[in-house]
Amino acid sequence: MNPAEAYILNAKEPYRTMLLHLQVVIETTLPDLQLLYKWKLPFYYIDGKQGFCFFNQSKDYVDLVFYHGTHLSMHQDKMISENRKHMKSLRYFRIEDIDDRVLIDVLREAYSFRERKYYK
């Protein structure tokens, strides 16, 4: 088991369930992403070198943080920036907070940036 998977499986409930659900949706929607481990967090990469998004479970929530989140236009009412210059996240306090439709929309939009200068 790699460290990113260990992070997810070793998380306390309800965060483990939320992280596993997010992992399944991400990997089903964008199967060519690679789950790696950086800064003690699970990171998804494009081609193993371009940071795409990462999980951060802290306090009482799970953040799915997108690199270049400031360029996202879909579902802005659901995105959290909290004084970040470039990143935005979808924040979940309970498994019921995860709206797969919103998540998939944001994943696809963020992935569409892979051909742009943001990931070069």
Protein backbone atom coordinates (compact mmCIF):
# COMPACT_ATOMS: atom_id res chain seq x y z
CA MET A 1 0.00 0.00 0.00
CA ASN A 2 1.39 3.40 -0.92
CA PRO A 3 1.43 6.30 1.59
CA ALA A 4 -1.46 8.13 -0.12
CA GLU A 5 -3.70 5.09 0.21
CA ALA A 6 -2.56 4.61 3.82
CA TYR A 7 -3.52 8.23 4.58
CA ILE A 8 -7.04 7.54 3.31
CA LEU A 9 -7.46 4.15 4.99
CA ASN A 10 -6.02 5.33 8.31
CA ALA A 11 -8.29 8.38 8.54
CA LYS A 12 -10.86 8.32 11.32
CA GLU A 13 -14.54 8.05 10.52
CA PRO A 14 -16.47 9.78 9.06
CA TYR A 15 -13.48 11.16 7.13
CA ARG A 16 -12.33 7.76 5.83
CA THR A 17 -15.71 7.18 4.20
CA MET A 18 -15.67 10.65 2.67
CA LEU A 19 -12.10 10.26 1.37
CA LEU A 20 -12.85 6.83 -0.10
CA HIS A 21 -15.97 8.16 -1.81
CA LEU A 22 -14.02 11.09 -3.28
CA GLN A 23 -11.26 8.73 -4.41
CA VAL A 24 -13.75 6.49 -6.24
CA VAL A 25 -15.47 9.43 -7.97
CA ILE A 26 -12.17 11.03 -8.99
CA GLU A 27 -10.63 7.82 -10.31
CA THR A 28 -13.82 6.83 -12.13
CA THR A 29 -14.22 10.26 -13.71
CA LEU A 30 -10.54 10.81 -14.57
CA PRO A 31 -8.86 7.39 -14.67
CA ASP A 32 -5.55 8.67 -16.02
CA LEU A 33 -4.72 10.67 -12.86
CA GLN A 34 -2.06 9.22 -10.58
CA LEU A 35 -2.52 9.20 -6.80
CA LEU A 36 0.81 10.10 -5.20
CA TYR A 37 1.94 11.41 -1.82
CA LYS A 38 3.42 14.86 -1.25
CA TRP A 39 3.68 17.06 1.85
CA LYS A 40 2.12 14.17 3.83
CA LEU A 41 -1.10 14.44 1.77
CA PRO A 42 -2.66 12.41 -1.08
CA PHE A 43 -2.15 14.31 -4.36
CA TYR A 44 -3.53 13.56 -7.80
CA TYR A 45 -1.18 14.28 -10.67
CA ILE A 46 -1.55 14.53 -14.42
CA ASP A 47 1.26 12.60 -16.15
CA GLY A 48 2.92 12.13 -12.77
CA LYS A 49 4.25 15.70 -12.75
CA GLN A 50 1.42 18.23 -12.99
CA GLY A 51 -0.38 18.76 -9.68
CA PHE A 52 -4.14 18.53 -10.16
CA CYS A 53 -5.83 18.28 -6.75
CA PHE A 54 -5.27 16.91 -3.28
CA PHE A 55 -7.08 15.81 -0.14
CA ASN A 56 -6.63 17.55 3.17
CA GLN A 57 -8.51 16.29 6.19
CA SER A 58 -8.20 18.78 9.01
CA LYS A 59 -10.30 19.86 11.93
CA ASP A 60 -13.81 18.61 11.24
CA TYR A 61 -13.89 18.48 7.44
CA VAL A 62 -12.29 17.16 4.26
CA ASP A 63 -11.09 19.59 1.63
CA LEU A 64 -10.64 18.56 -1.99
CA VAL A 65 -8.25 21.29 -3.07
CA PHE A 66 -7.69 22.20 -6.72
CA TYR A 67 -4.39 23.73 -7.86
CA HIS A 68 -5.45 26.58 -10.24
CA GLY A 69 -8.86 26.77 -8.58
CA THR A 70 -9.10 30.48 -9.30
CA HIS A 71 -9.66 29.58 -12.96
CA LEU A 72 -12.68 27.42 -12.17
CA SER A 73 -16.01 28.96 -13.07
CA MET A 74 -18.51 26.21 -12.27
CA HIS A 75 -20.24 26.00 -8.89
CA GLN A 76 -18.50 29.02 -7.40
CA ASP A 77 -21.10 29.04 -4.64
CA LYS A 78 -19.61 25.74 -3.42
CA MET A 79 -15.93 26.67 -3.69
CA ILE A 80 -13.81 27.81 -0.73
CA SER A 81 -10.76 30.03 -1.21
CA GLU A 82 -9.93 31.25 2.34
CA ASN A 83 -7.11 33.65 1.47
CA ARG A 84 -5.51 31.28 -1.04
CA LYS A 85 -4.11 32.98 -4.13
CA HIS A 86 -4.54 30.17 -6.64
CA MET A 87 -6.26 27.24 -4.99
CA LYS A 88 -9.90 26.62 -4.21
CA SER A 89 -11.54 23.65 -2.60
CA LEU A 90 -14.75 21.76 -2.20
CA ARG A 91 -15.28 21.27 1.54
CA TYR A 92 -17.21 18.42 3.10
CA PHE A 93 -18.28 18.00 6.72
CA ARG A 94 -20.41 14.88 6.16
CA ILE A 95 -20.69 12.24 3.46
CA GLU A 96 -24.15 13.65 2.66
CA ASP A 97 -22.50 16.96 1.70
CA ILE A 98 -20.84 15.36 -1.31
CA ASP A 99 -22.87 16.12 -4.42
CA ASP A 100 -21.40 13.85 -7.10
CA ARG A 101 -22.84 15.99 -9.91
CA VAL A 102 -21.06 19.09 -8.61
CA LEU A 103 -17.87 17.13 -7.95
CA ILE A 104 -17.80 15.65 -11.46
CA ASP A 105 -18.52 19.04 -13.06
CA VAL A 106 -15.60 20.64 -11.18
CA LEU A 107 -13.27 17.72 -11.89
CA ARG A 108 -13.99 17.87 -15.62
CA GLU A 109 -13.60 21.63 -15.77
CA ALA A 110 -10.30 21.52 -13.87
CA TYR A 111 -9.07 18.68 -16.09
CA SER A 112 -9.86 20.74 -19.19
CA PHE A 113 -7.08 23.11 -18.08
CA ARG A 114 -4.42 20.43 -18.66
CA GLU A 115 -3.78 21.74 -22.17
CA ARG A 116 -3.48 25.33 -21.00
CA LYS A 117 -0.52 27.25 -19.65
CA TYR A 118 -1.67 26.61 -16.05
CA TYR A 119 -0.10 23.15 -16.07
CA LYS A 120 2.98 23.92 -18.15
